[in-house]
Amino acid sequence: MHEAPMKQLLREIKIISSTSHVNIIKFYGAYISPSSSELKVMMEFGEGGSLESVGKRMRTIGARVGEKVAGRLAEGILQGLAYLHSQKTIHRDIKPPNVLLTREGIVKLCDFGVSGELINSNAGTFTGTSLYMAPERLSGDQYSICSDVWSTGITLLELVQNRFPFPTDLSQIELMMYITQNEPPELEDDDDATYSPEMKNFLKVALTRDPNARPNPSLMLSQPWIVSVMQQEVNMAAFLRQVWGWKKPSRKSGDTPPISRLGRILARLSCFHNLSHPNPDPDPDEIGESDVDSLSQYTALRPGRVQATANAQVQAPAIP
């Protein structure tokens, strides 16, 4: 049985108002609107969109998220989950729409309406989105924060492959049975992309069927792939500029960057709770030749795909 929306919202407010971590969405306050009597929640603005909207954009422009960016996203999600674990909290609904990005590309976990308190590191209620649930949750067994690691693996696998990793022609009940009875999906090379052994192993470990053998978020942060990414410079802000067609902000010596002022203003504005997942969608034709070349540093563009630009037709580069 689903909980009443108000109860979920109050739970979310309770959790986000008591947490403080760079990878958890910030809560600024809540109030009752005098005109509509609705509860308004003021939260940090994820201007970079959700992983769901980024994934849709990748498919629109014929691109795929590269390993460095995927690794930085994985690190941010795991850091947020590790913090929640330290607070004896489990998210229970990790999925692409619930992972937001700032304009600078910082990961922000949001939507804690179905989150719960861990008792002896375990939980036992059936709440969340079944498509991304770990097998132990779908089977009605007790589960731990490690179930969020499974959901993280499915989310990342969907993002880098540009498709949901399970059959899409099944009913929800059939899909639940499929997940619990079949081997977990794995990241495999295809005609469009190849992946490092470290990345493949990371996802294989995250999608370990046995919950007792699946590492918790803190242990996943010590995986070689994540450790390697953390040692590399990844310009997430540049990646998002290319994804959404944003212009690089100009700055003069001594000036405050315009986006910083805008960010401070937006952080203080009232944001409806259901407007926390922006989906900016500029025209793909607005991406110019230099943008396509730059985008290839962060994404794997499909070979042979012609990218339309304002001035010319640019052949998308093949994957190195």
C-alpha atoms as a PDB file:
ATOM      1  CA  MET A   1       0.000   0.000   0.000  1.00  0.00           C
ATOM      2  CA  HIS A   2       1.334   3.408  -0.943  1.00  0.00           C
ATOM      3  CA  GLU A   3       1.713   6.003   1.755  1.00  0.00           C
ATOM      4  CA  ALA A   4      -0.163   9.259   1.537  1.00  0.00           C
ATOM      5  CA  PRO A   5       1.818  11.893  -0.398  1.00  0.00           C
ATOM      6  CA  MET A   6       1.810  14.240   2.599  1.00  0.00           C
ATOM      7  CA  LYS A   7       3.395  11.605   4.812  1.00  0.00           C
ATOM      8  CA  GLN A   8       6.091  10.984   2.212  1.00  0.00           C
ATOM      9  CA  LEU A   9       6.729  14.698   1.888  1.00  0.00           C
ATOM     10  CA  LEU A  10       7.024  15.152   5.634  1.00  0.00           C
ATOM     11  CA  ARG A  11       9.468  12.261   5.778  1.00  0.00           C
ATOM     12  CA  GLU A  12      11.538  13.864   3.034  1.00  0.00           C
ATOM     13  CA  ILE A  13      11.584  17.211   4.835  1.00  0.00           C
ATOM     14  CA  LYS A  14      12.654  15.474   8.034  1.00  0.00           C
ATOM     15  CA  ILE A  15      15.562  13.739   6.295  1.00  0.00           C
ATOM     16  CA  ILE A  16      16.893  16.554   4.114  1.00  0.00           C
ATOM     17  CA  SER A  17      16.554  19.118   6.919  1.00  0.00           C
ATOM     18  CA  SER A  18      18.777  17.001   9.154  1.00  0.00           C
ATOM     19  CA  THR A  19      21.469  16.114   6.617  1.00  0.00           C
ATOM     20  CA  SER A  20      24.476  18.100   5.491  1.00  0.00           C
ATOM     21  CA  HIS A  21      26.595  16.673   2.703  1.00  0.00           C
ATOM     22  CA  VAL A  22      27.838  17.969  -0.629  1.00  0.00           C
ATOM     23  CA  ASN A  23      26.097  15.117  -2.472  1.00  0.00           C
ATOM     24  CA  ILE A  24      22.705  15.531  -0.772  1.00  0.00           C
ATOM     25  CA  ILE A  25      20.277  18.168  -2.063  1.00  0.00           C
ATOM     26  CA  LYS A  26      20.143  21.175   0.251  1.00  0.00           C
ATOM     27  CA  PHE A  27      16.947  22.116   2.048  1.00  0.00           C
ATOM     28  CA  TYR A  28      16.256  25.818   2.608  1.00  0.00           C
ATOM     29  CA  GLY A  29      12.840  25.729   4.228  1.00  0.00           C
ATOM     30  CA  ALA A  30       9.140  25.089   3.741  1.00  0.00           C
ATOM     31  CA  TYR A  31       5.963  27.110   4.119  1.00  0.00           C
ATOM     32  CA  ILE A  32       2.236  26.980   3.495  1.00  0.00           C
ATOM     33  CA  SER A  33       1.149  29.142   0.578  1.00  0.00           C
ATOM     34  CA  PRO A  34      -1.537  31.618   1.753  1.00  0.00           C
ATOM     35  CA  SER A  35      -3.189  31.618  -1.681  1.00  0.00           C
ATOM     36  CA  SER A  36      -3.350  27.871  -2.363  1.00  0.00           C
ATOM     37  CA  SER A  37      -2.810  26.335   1.089  1.00  0.00           C
ATOM     38  CA  GLU A  38      -0.195  24.112  -0.534  1.00  0.00           C
ATOM     39  CA  LEU A  39       3.054  23.161   1.170  1.00  0.00           C
ATOM     40  CA  LYS A  40       5.966  24.748  -0.682  1.00  0.00           C
ATOM     41  CA  VAL A  41       9.447  23.265  -0.275  1.00  0.00           C
ATOM     42  CA  MET A  42      12.548  25.351  -1.027  1.00  0.00           C
ATOM     43  CA  MET A  43      15.512  23.271  -2.137  1.00  0.00           C
ATOM     44  CA  GLU A  44      18.768  23.609  -4.001  1.00  0.00           C
ATOM     45  CA  PHE A  45      18.338  24.011  -7.760  1.00  0.00           C
ATOM     46  CA  GLY A  46      19.821  21.176  -9.842  1.00  0.00           C
ATOM     47  CA  GLU A  47      20.408  23.264 -12.949  1.00  0.00           C
ATOM     48  CA  GLY A  48      22.319  20.488 -14.698  1.00  0.00           C
ATOM     49  CA  GLY A  49      19.199  18.333 -14.728  1.00  0.00           C
ATOM     50  CA  SER A  50      18.713  14.753 -13.596  1.00  0.00           C
ATOM     51  CA  LEU A  51      20.530  11.702 -14.924  1.00  0.00           C
ATOM     52  CA  GLU A  52      17.248  10.879 -16.636  1.00  0.00           C
ATOM     53  CA  SER A  53      17.234  14.155 -18.575  1.00  0.00           C
ATOM     54  CA  VAL A  54      20.962  13.866 -19.337  1.00  0.00           C
ATOM     55  CA  GLY A  55      20.380  10.355 -20.664  1.00  0.00           C
ATOM     56  CA  LYS A  56      17.566  11.561 -22.907  1.00  0.00           C
ATOM     57  CA  ARG A  57      19.783  14.352 -24.177  1.00  0.00           C
ATOM     58  CA  MET A  58      22.584  11.898 -24.971  1.00  0.00           C
ATOM     59  CA  ARG A  59      20.216   9.891 -27.137  1.00  0.00           C
ATOM     60  CA  THR A  60      18.971  13.051 -28.859  1.00  0.00           C
ATOM     61  CA  ILE A  61      22.430  14.199 -29.912  1.00  0.00           C
ATOM     62  CA  GLY A  62      23.685  10.697 -30.687  1.00  0.00           C
ATOM     63  CA  ALA A  63      26.239  10.590 -27.871  1.00  0.00           C
ATOM     64  CA  ARG A  64      27.097   8.378 -24.924  1.00  0.00           C
ATOM     65  CA  VAL A  65      28.459   9.271 -21.522  1.00  0.00           C
ATOM     66  CA  GLY A  66      32.168   8.468 -21.330  1.00  0.00           C
ATOM     67  CA  GLU A  67      33.977   6.562 -18.591  1.00  0.00           C
ATOM     68  CA  LYS A  68      35.463   9.536 -16.773  1.00  0.00           C
ATOM     69  CA  VAL A  69      32.126  11.280 -16.439  1.00  0.00           C
ATOM     70  CA  ALA A  70      30.373   8.029 -15.477  1.00  0.00           C
ATOM     71  CA  GLY A  71      33.026   7.425 -12.843  1.00  0.00           C
ATOM     72  CA  ARG A  72      32.607  10.867 -11.343  1.00  0.00           C
ATOM     73  CA  LEU A  73      28.837  10.364 -11.249  1.00  0.00           C
ATOM     74  CA  ALA A  74      29.284   6.985  -9.562  1.00  0.00           C
ATOM     75  CA  GLU A  75      31.593   8.509  -6.979  1.00  0.00           C
ATOM     76  CA  GLY A  76      29.089  11.260  -6.157  1.00  0.00           C
ATOM     77  CA  ILE A  77      26.204   8.820  -5.743  1.00  0.00           C
ATOM     78  CA  LEU A  78      28.269   6.500  -3.540  1.00  0.00           C
ATOM     79  CA  GLN A  79      29.571   9.377  -1.410  1.00  0.00           C
ATOM     80  CA  GLY A  80      25.996  10.477  -0.782  1.00  0.00           C
ATOM     81  CA  LEU A  81      24.878   6.933   0.047  1.00  0.00           C
ATOM     82  CA  ALA A  82      27.861   6.387   2.355  1.00  0.00           C
ATOM     83  CA  TYR A  83      26.884   9.540   4.243  1.00  0.00           C
ATOM     84  CA  LEU A  84      23.282   8.375   4.536  1.00  0.00           C
ATOM     85  CA  HIS A  85      24.540   5.029   5.805  1.00  0.00           C
ATOM     86  CA  SER A  86      26.512   6.849   8.501  1.00  0.00           C
ATOM     87  CA  GLN A  87      23.221   8.494   9.492  1.00  0.00           C
ATOM     88  CA  LYS A  88      21.515   5.080   9.617  1.00  0.00           C
ATOM     89  CA  THR A  89      19.374   6.001   6.616  1.00  0.00           C
ATOM     90  CA  ILE A  90      18.696   4.124   3.391  1.00  0.00           C
ATOM     91  CA  HIS A  91      17.484   5.964   0.298  1.00  0.00           C
ATOM     92  CA  ARG A  92      15.458   3.092  -1.229  1.00  0.00           C
ATOM     93  CA  ASP A  93      14.692   4.876  -4.508  1.00  0.00           C
ATOM     94  CA  ILE A  94      17.953   5.479  -6.355  1.00  0.00           C
ATOM     95  CA  LYS A  95      17.119   5.908 -10.052  1.00  0.00           C
ATOM     96  CA  PRO A  96      17.999   8.396 -12.818  1.00  0.00           C
ATOM     97  CA  PRO A  97      15.299  10.995 -11.966  1.00  0.00           C
ATOM     98  CA  ASN A  98      16.474  11.112  -8.337  1.00  0.00           C
ATOM     99  CA  VAL A  99      20.088  11.966  -9.106  1.00  0.00           C
ATOM    100  CA  LEU A 100      20.440  15.665  -9.889  1.00  0.00           C
ATOM    101  CA  LEU A 101      23.430  17.686 -11.065  1.00  0.00           C
ATOM    102  CA  THR A 102      24.367  21.268 -10.333  1.00  0.00           C
ATOM    103  CA  ARG A 103      25.589  23.480 -13.163  1.00  0.00           C
ATOM    104  CA  GLU A 104      29.109  22.569 -12.060  1.00  0.00           C
ATOM    105  CA  GLY A 105      28.291  18.857 -12.339  1.00  0.00           C
ATOM    106  CA  ILE A 106      28.160  18.029  -8.627  1.00  0.00           C
ATOM    107  CA  VAL A 107      25.921  15.031  -7.893  1.00  0.00           C
ATOM    108  CA  LYS A 108      22.961  15.693  -5.604  1.00  0.00           C
ATOM    109  CA  LEU A 109      20.750  12.876  -4.330  1.00  0.00           C
ATOM    110  CA  CYS A 110      17.134  13.930  -3.902  1.00  0.00           C
ATOM    111  CA  ASP A 111      13.605  12.609  -3.325  1.00  0.00           C
ATOM    112  CA  PHE A 112      13.736  11.027   0.117  1.00  0.00           C
ATOM    113  CA  GLY A 113       9.992  10.429   0.318  1.00  0.00           C
ATOM    114  CA  VAL A 114      10.418   6.664   0.637  1.00  0.00           C
ATOM    115  CA  SER A 115      13.691   6.672   2.561  1.00  0.00           C
ATOM    116  CA  GLY A 116      13.764   4.776   5.796  1.00  0.00           C
ATOM    117  CA  GLU A 117      15.686   4.264   8.988  1.00  0.00           C
ATOM    118  CA  LEU A 118      18.005   1.290   9.198  1.00  0.00           C
ATOM    119  CA  ILE A 119      17.617  -0.903  12.278  1.00  0.00           C
ATOM    120  CA  ASN A 120      20.653  -3.123  12.849  1.00  0.00           C
ATOM    121  CA  SER A 121      21.703  -2.107   9.325  1.00  0.00           C
ATOM    122  CA  ASN A 122      18.572  -3.707   7.824  1.00  0.00           C
ATOM    123  CA  ALA A 123      15.144  -2.652   6.588  1.00  0.00           C
ATOM    124  CA  GLY A 124      12.117  -4.647   5.532  1.00  0.00           C
ATOM    125  CA  THR A 125       9.358  -2.645   3.843  1.00  0.00           C
ATOM    126  CA  PHE A 126       8.522  -2.662   0.119  1.00  0.00           C
ATOM    127  CA  THR A 127       8.781   0.953  -1.032  1.00  0.00           C
ATOM    128  CA  GLY A 128      10.519   2.552  -3.989  1.00  0.00           C
ATOM    129  CA  THR A 129      10.607   1.949  -7.749  1.00  0.00           C
ATOM    130  CA  SER A 130      10.614  -1.752  -8.608  1.00  0.00           C
ATOM    131  CA  LEU A 131      12.476  -1.314 -11.922  1.00  0.00           C
ATOM    132  CA  TYR A 132      15.657  -0.425 -10.045  1.00  0.00           C
ATOM    133  CA  MET A 133      15.126  -2.566  -6.946  1.00  0.00           C
ATOM    134  CA  ALA A 134      17.645  -5.183  -5.852  1.00  0.00           C
ATOM    135  CA  PRO A 135      16.536  -8.846  -6.081  1.00  0.00           C
ATOM    136  CA  GLU A 136      16.303  -9.206  -2.298  1.00  0.00           C
ATOM    137  CA  ARG A 137      13.832  -6.336  -2.145  1.00  0.00           C
ATOM    138  CA  LEU A 138      11.708  -7.717  -4.961  1.00  0.00           C
ATOM    139  CA  SER A 139      11.644 -11.064  -3.145  1.00  0.00           C
ATOM    140  CA  GLY A 140      10.352  -9.434   0.040  1.00  0.00           C
ATOM    141  CA  ASP A 141      13.474 -10.266   2.056  1.00  0.00           C
ATOM    142  CA  GLN A 142      15.244  -8.004   4.513  1.00  0.00           C
ATOM    143  CA  TYR A 143      17.650  -5.615   2.870  1.00  0.00           C
ATOM    144  CA  SER A 144      20.367  -3.143   3.743  1.00  0.00           C
ATOM    145  CA  ILE A 145      22.088  -0.085   2.300  1.00  0.00           C
ATOM    146  CA  CYS A 146      23.655  -2.543  -0.180  1.00  0.00           C
ATOM    147  CA  SER A 147      20.334  -2.581  -2.028  1.00  0.00           C
ATOM    148  CA  ASP A 148      21.029   1.054  -2.942  1.00  0.00           C
ATOM    149  CA  VAL A 149      24.333  -0.112  -4.452  1.00  0.00           C
ATOM    150  CA  TRP A 150      22.400  -2.405  -6.815  1.00  0.00           C
ATOM    151  CA  SER A 151      20.122   0.493  -7.810  1.00  0.00           C
ATOM    152  CA  THR A 152      23.213   2.618  -8.437  1.00  0.00           C
ATOM    153  CA  GLY A 153      24.622  -0.066 -10.729  1.00  0.00           C
ATOM    154  CA  ILE A 154      21.419  -0.303 -12.775  1.00  0.00           C
ATOM    155  CA  THR A 155      21.232   3.491 -13.011  1.00  0.00           C
ATOM    156  CA  LEU A 156      24.814   3.784 -14.299  1.00  0.00           C
ATOM    157  CA  LEU A 157      24.439   0.851 -16.676  1.00  0.00           C
ATOM    158  CA  GLU A 158      21.352   2.436 -18.219  1.00  0.00           C
ATOM    159  CA  LEU A 159      23.113   5.793 -18.555  1.00  0.00           C
ATOM    160  CA  VAL A 160      26.262   4.581 -20.328  1.00  0.00           C
ATOM    161  CA  GLN A 161      24.435   2.142 -22.619  1.00  0.00           C
ATOM    162  CA  ASN A 162      21.619   4.559 -23.500  1.00  0.00           C
ATOM    163  CA  ARG A 163      19.035   1.860 -22.798  1.00  0.00           C
ATOM    164  CA  PHE A 164      17.372   0.128 -19.877  1.00  0.00           C
ATOM    165  CA  PRO A 165      19.421  -3.024 -19.114  1.00  0.00           C
ATOM    166  CA  PHE A 166      16.395  -5.332 -18.770  1.00  0.00           C
ATOM    167  CA  PRO A 167      13.815  -6.437 -21.366  1.00  0.00           C
ATOM    168  CA  THR A 168      11.300  -3.672 -22.015  1.00  0.00           C
ATOM    169  CA  ASP A 169       8.504  -5.873 -23.358  1.00  0.00           C
ATOM    170  CA  LEU A 170       7.594  -7.400 -19.990  1.00  0.00           C
ATOM    171  CA  SER A 171       4.840  -6.415 -17.597  1.00  0.00           C
ATOM    172  CA  GLN A 172       5.941  -5.146 -14.203  1.00  0.00           C
ATOM    173  CA  ILE A 173       5.251  -8.505 -12.546  1.00  0.00           C
ATOM    174  CA  GLU A 174       7.105 -10.362 -15.299  1.00  0.00           C
ATOM    175  CA  LEU A 175      10.031  -7.972 -14.997  1.00  0.00           C
ATOM    176  CA  MET A 176      10.201  -8.477 -11.233  1.00  0.00           C
ATOM    177  CA  MET A 177      10.328 -12.241 -11.787  1.00  0.00           C
ATOM    178  CA  TYR A 178      12.960 -11.811 -14.491  1.00  0.00           C
ATOM    179  CA  ILE A 179      15.221  -9.767 -12.178  1.00  0.00           C
ATOM    180  CA  THR A 180      14.942 -12.259  -9.335  1.00  0.00           C
ATOM    181  CA  GLN A 181      15.397 -15.383 -11.468  1.00  0.00           C
ATOM    182  CA  ASN A 182      18.000 -14.418 -14.069  1.00  0.00           C
ATOM    183  CA  GLU A 183      21.660 -13.450 -13.932  1.00  0.00           C
ATOM    184  CA  PRO A 184      22.331  -9.730 -13.422  1.00  0.00           C
ATOM    185  CA  PRO A 185      23.111  -7.648 -16.524  1.00  0.00           C
ATOM    186  CA  GLU A 186      26.744  -6.827 -17.294  1.00  0.00           C
ATOM    187  CA  LEU A 187      28.481  -4.009 -19.100  1.00  0.00           C
ATOM    188  CA  GLU A 188      29.659  -5.310 -22.466  1.00  0.00           C
ATOM    189  CA  ASP A 189      31.521  -3.750 -25.358  1.00  0.00           C
ATOM    190  CA  ASP A 190      29.503  -3.066 -28.490  1.00  0.00           C
ATOM    191  CA  ASP A 191      29.959  -1.489 -31.909  1.00  0.00           C
ATOM    192  CA  ASP A 192      29.709   2.001 -30.423  1.00  0.00           C
ATOM    193  CA  ALA A 193      31.884   1.763 -27.320  1.00  0.00           C
ATOM    194  CA  THR A 194      34.468  -0.230 -25.421  1.00  0.00           C
ATOM    195  CA  TYR A 195      34.932  -0.080 -21.670  1.00  0.00           C
ATOM    196  CA  SER A 196      37.829  -0.690 -19.331  1.00  0.00           C
ATOM    197  CA  PRO A 197      38.036  -3.937 -17.337  1.00  0.00           C
ATOM    198  CA  GLU A 198      37.934  -1.863 -14.143  1.00  0.00           C
ATOM    199  CA  MET A 199      34.616  -0.266 -15.071  1.00  0.00           C
ATOM    200  CA  LYS A 200      33.131  -3.608 -16.082  1.00  0.00           C
ATOM    201  CA  ASN A 201      34.232  -5.146 -12.795  1.00  0.00           C
ATOM    202  CA  PHE A 202      32.818  -2.232 -10.795  1.00  0.00           C
ATOM    203  CA  LEU A 203      29.370  -2.756 -12.279  1.00  0.00           C
ATOM    204  CA  LYS A 204      29.632  -6.512 -11.911  1.00  0.00           C
ATOM    205  CA  VAL A 205      30.382  -6.100  -8.196  1.00  0.00           C
ATOM    206  CA  ALA A 206      27.600  -3.516  -7.755  1.00  0.00           C
ATOM    207  CA  LEU A 207      25.171  -5.964  -9.372  1.00  0.00           C
ATOM    208  CA  THR A 208      26.154  -8.948  -7.261  1.00  0.00           C
ATOM    209  CA  ARG A 209      23.008 -11.025  -6.766  1.00  0.00           C
ATOM    210  CA  ASP A 210      23.830 -12.174  -3.234  1.00  0.00           C
ATOM    211  CA  PRO A 211      23.180  -9.157  -0.965  1.00  0.00           C
ATOM    212  CA  ASN A 212      25.593 -10.533   1.633  1.00  0.00           C
ATOM    213  CA  ALA A 213      28.387 -10.539  -0.951  1.00  0.00           C
ATOM    214  CA  ARG A 214      27.540  -7.111  -2.365  1.00  0.00           C
ATOM    215  CA  PRO A 215      29.726  -4.338  -0.856  1.00  0.00           C
ATOM    216  CA  ASN A 216      28.259  -1.301   0.872  1.00  0.00           C
ATOM    217  CA  PRO A 217      28.767   2.205  -0.591  1.00  0.00           C
ATOM    218  CA  SER A 218      31.923   2.899   1.430  1.00  0.00           C
ATOM    219  CA  LEU A 219      33.565  -0.283   0.169  1.00  0.00           C
ATOM    220  CA  MET A 220      32.463   0.460  -3.406  1.00  0.00           C
ATOM    221  CA  LEU A 221      34.381   3.740  -3.181  1.00  0.00           C
ATOM    222  CA  SER A 222      37.565   1.695  -2.817  1.00  0.00           C
ATOM    223  CA  GLN A 223      36.984  -0.125  -6.113  1.00  0.00           C
ATOM    224  CA  PRO A 224      39.952   0.421  -8.502  1.00  0.00           C
ATOM    225  CA  TRP A 225      37.760   2.156 -11.107  1.00  0.00           C
ATOM    226  CA  ILE A 226      36.506   4.738  -8.616  1.00  0.00           C
ATOM    227  CA  VAL A 227      39.948   5.254  -7.084  1.00  0.00           C
ATOM    228  CA  SER A 228      41.368   5.873 -10.562  1.00  0.00           C
ATOM    229  CA  VAL A 229      38.641   8.377 -11.468  1.00  0.00           C
ATOM    230  CA  MET A 230      39.097  10.245  -8.191  1.00  0.00           C
ATOM    231  CA  GLN A 231      42.744  10.791  -9.116  1.00  0.00           C
ATOM    232  CA  GLN A 232      41.882  12.294 -12.498  1.00  0.00           C
ATOM    233  CA  GLU A 233      40.653  15.743 -13.386  1.00  0.00           C
ATOM    234  CA  VAL A 234      37.163  15.571 -14.896  1.00  0.00           C
ATOM    235  CA  ASN A 235      35.650  18.873 -16.010  1.00  0.00           C
ATOM    236  CA  MET A 236      32.017  18.149 -15.266  1.00  0.00           C
ATOM    237  CA  ALA A 237      30.987  21.765 -15.851  1.00  0.00           C
ATOM    238  CA  ALA A 238      32.385  21.611 -19.396  1.00  0.00           C
ATOM    239  CA  PHE A 239      30.617  18.297 -19.959  1.00  0.00           C
ATOM    240  CA  LEU A 240      27.252  19.798 -19.004  1.00  0.00           C
ATOM    241  CA  ARG A 241      27.860  22.883 -21.134  1.00  0.00           C
ATOM    242  CA  GLN A 242      28.299  20.630 -24.133  1.00  0.00           C
ATOM    243  CA  VAL A 243      25.330  18.444 -23.226  1.00  0.00           C
ATOM    244  CA  TRP A 244      22.922  21.364 -22.909  1.00  0.00           C
ATOM    245  CA  GLY A 245      24.532  23.782 -25.357  1.00  0.00           C
ATOM    246  CA  TRP A 246      25.321  26.340 -22.670  1.00  0.00           C
ATOM    247  CA  LYS A 247      27.831  29.061 -23.433  1.00  0.00           C
ATOM    248  CA  LYS A 248      30.920  29.275 -21.311  1.00  0.00           C
ATOM    249  CA  PRO A 249      30.436  32.190 -18.885  1.00  0.00           C
ATOM    250  CA  SER A 250      32.719  35.119 -19.643  1.00  0.00           C
ATOM    251  CA  ARG A 251      34.558  36.808 -16.843  1.00  0.00           C
ATOM    252  CA  LYS A 252      36.754  39.839 -16.545  1.00  0.00           C
ATOM    253  CA  SER A 253      39.555  40.141 -14.070  1.00  0.00           C
ATOM    254  CA  GLY A 254      38.113  40.899 -10.647  1.00  0.00           C
ATOM    255  CA  ASP A 255      34.525  40.278 -11.745  1.00  0.00           C
ATOM    256  CA  THR A 256      32.238  37.772 -10.085  1.00  0.00           C
ATOM    257  CA  PRO A 257      31.142  35.153 -12.621  1.00  0.00           C
ATOM    258  CA  PRO A 258      27.512  35.858 -13.615  1.00  0.00           C
ATOM    259  CA  ILE A 259      26.469  32.263 -12.985  1.00  0.00           C
ATOM    260  CA  SER A 260      27.677  32.488  -9.391  1.00  0.00           C
ATOM    261  CA  ARG A 261      25.373  35.422  -8.738  1.00  0.00           C
ATOM    262  CA  LEU A 262      22.528  33.629 -10.486  1.00  0.00           C
ATOM    263  CA  GLY A 263      23.205  30.505  -8.463  1.00  0.00           C
ATOM    264  CA  ARG A 264      22.995  32.400  -5.193  1.00  0.00           C
ATOM    265  CA  ILE A 265      19.724  33.989  -6.252  1.00  0.00           C
ATOM    266  CA  LEU A 266      18.208  30.699  -7.373  1.00  0.00           C
ATOM    267  CA  ALA A 267      19.284  29.014  -4.156  1.00  0.00           C
ATOM    268  CA  ARG A 268      17.124  31.464  -2.250  1.00  0.00           C
ATOM    269  CA  LEU A 269      14.102  31.252  -4.496  1.00  0.00           C
ATOM    270  CA  SER A 270      11.117  29.072  -3.693  1.00  0.00           C
ATOM    271  CA  CYS A 271      11.175  25.876  -5.748  1.00  0.00           C
ATOM    272  CA  PHE A 272       8.126  23.650  -5.940  1.00  0.00           C
ATOM    273  CA  HIS A 273       8.950  20.176  -4.721  1.00  0.00           C
ATOM    274  CA  ASN A 274       7.890  18.646  -8.025  1.00  0.00           C
ATOM    275  CA  LEU A 275      10.013  21.103 -10.017  1.00  0.00           C
ATOM    276  CA  SER A 276      13.297  19.810  -8.605  1.00  0.00           C
ATOM    277  CA  HIS A 277      14.091  17.901 -11.782  1.00  0.00           C
ATOM    278  CA  PRO A 278      14.720  20.489 -14.509  1.00  0.00           C
ATOM    279  CA  ASN A 279      14.924  19.257 -18.058  1.00  0.00           C
ATOM    280  CA  PRO A 280      16.495  22.014 -20.152  1.00  0.00           C
ATOM    281  CA  ASP A 281      16.399  20.954 -23.757  1.00  0.00           C
ATOM    282  CA  PRO A 282      18.057  23.341 -26.189  1.00  0.00           C
ATOM    283  CA  ASP A 283      17.826  22.672 -29.907  1.00  0.00           C
ATOM    284  CA  PRO A 284      20.420  20.058 -30.960  1.00  0.00           C
ATOM    285  CA  ASP A 285      21.144  22.188 -34.018  1.00  0.00           C
ATOM    286  CA  GLU A 286      22.531  24.901 -31.745  1.00  0.00           C
ATOM    287  CA  ILE A 287      25.625  22.800 -30.946  1.00  0.00           C
ATOM    288  CA  GLY A 288      28.445  24.026 -33.140  1.00  0.00           C
ATOM    289  CA  GLU A 289      31.466  22.245 -34.561  1.00  0.00           C
ATOM    290  CA  SER A 290      33.728  23.214 -31.658  1.00  0.00           C
ATOM    291  CA  ASP A 291      31.102  21.955 -29.231  1.00  0.00           C
ATOM    292  CA  VAL A 292      30.954  18.576 -30.944  1.00  0.00           C
ATOM    293  CA  ASP A 293      34.736  18.251 -30.818  1.00  0.00           C
ATOM    294  CA  SER A 294      34.770  19.224 -27.157  1.00  0.00           C
ATOM    295  CA  LEU A 295      31.860  16.947 -26.350  1.00  0.00           C
ATOM    296  CA  SER A 296      33.828  13.987 -27.683  1.00  0.00           C
ATOM    297  CA  GLN A 297      36.251  14.445 -24.791  1.00  0.00           C
ATOM    298  CA  TYR A 298      33.530  13.539 -22.340  1.00  0.00           C
ATOM    299  CA  THR A 299      31.198  11.321 -24.339  1.00  0.00           C
ATOM    300  CA  ALA A 300      31.531   8.582 -26.891  1.00  0.00           C
ATOM    301  CA  LEU A 301      29.796   9.789 -30.048  1.00  0.00           C
ATOM    302  CA  ARG A 302      28.346   7.139 -32.302  1.00  0.00           C
ATOM    303  CA  PRO A 303      30.499   6.581 -35.396  1.00  0.00           C
ATOM    304  CA  GLY A 304      28.875   7.628 -38.624  1.00  0.00           C
ATOM    305  CA  ARG A 305      26.277   9.860 -36.974  1.00  0.00           C
ATOM    306  CA  VAL A 306      26.121  13.247 -38.690  1.00  0.00           C
ATOM    307  CA  GLN A 307      25.680  16.104 -36.239  1.00  0.00           C
ATOM    308  CA  ALA A 308      23.796  19.105 -37.627  1.00  0.00           C
ATOM    309  CA  THR A 309      25.369  22.486 -36.868  1.00  0.00           C
ATOM    310  CA  ALA A 310      24.506  26.047 -37.643  1.00  0.00           C
ATOM    311  CA  ASN A 311      27.247  26.341 -40.254  1.00  0.00           C
ATOM    312  CA  ALA A 312      28.088  22.861 -41.522  1.00  0.00           C
ATOM    313  CA  GLN A 313      27.522  19.135 -41.310  1.00  0.00           C
ATOM    314  CA  VAL A 314      30.090  17.648 -38.916  1.00  0.00           C
ATOM    315  CA  GLN A 315      30.832  13.922 -39.008  1.00  0.00           C
ATOM    316  CA  ALA A 316      30.742  12.589 -35.462  1.00  0.00           C
ATOM    317  CA  PRO A 317      34.174  11.189 -34.544  1.00  0.00           C
ATOM    318  CA  ALA A 318      34.643   7.481 -34.025  1.00  0.00           C
ATOM    319  CA  ILE A 319      35.400   6.182 -30.562  1.00  0.00           C
ATOM    320  CA  PRO A 320      39.144   6.103 -29.853  1.00  0.00           C
END
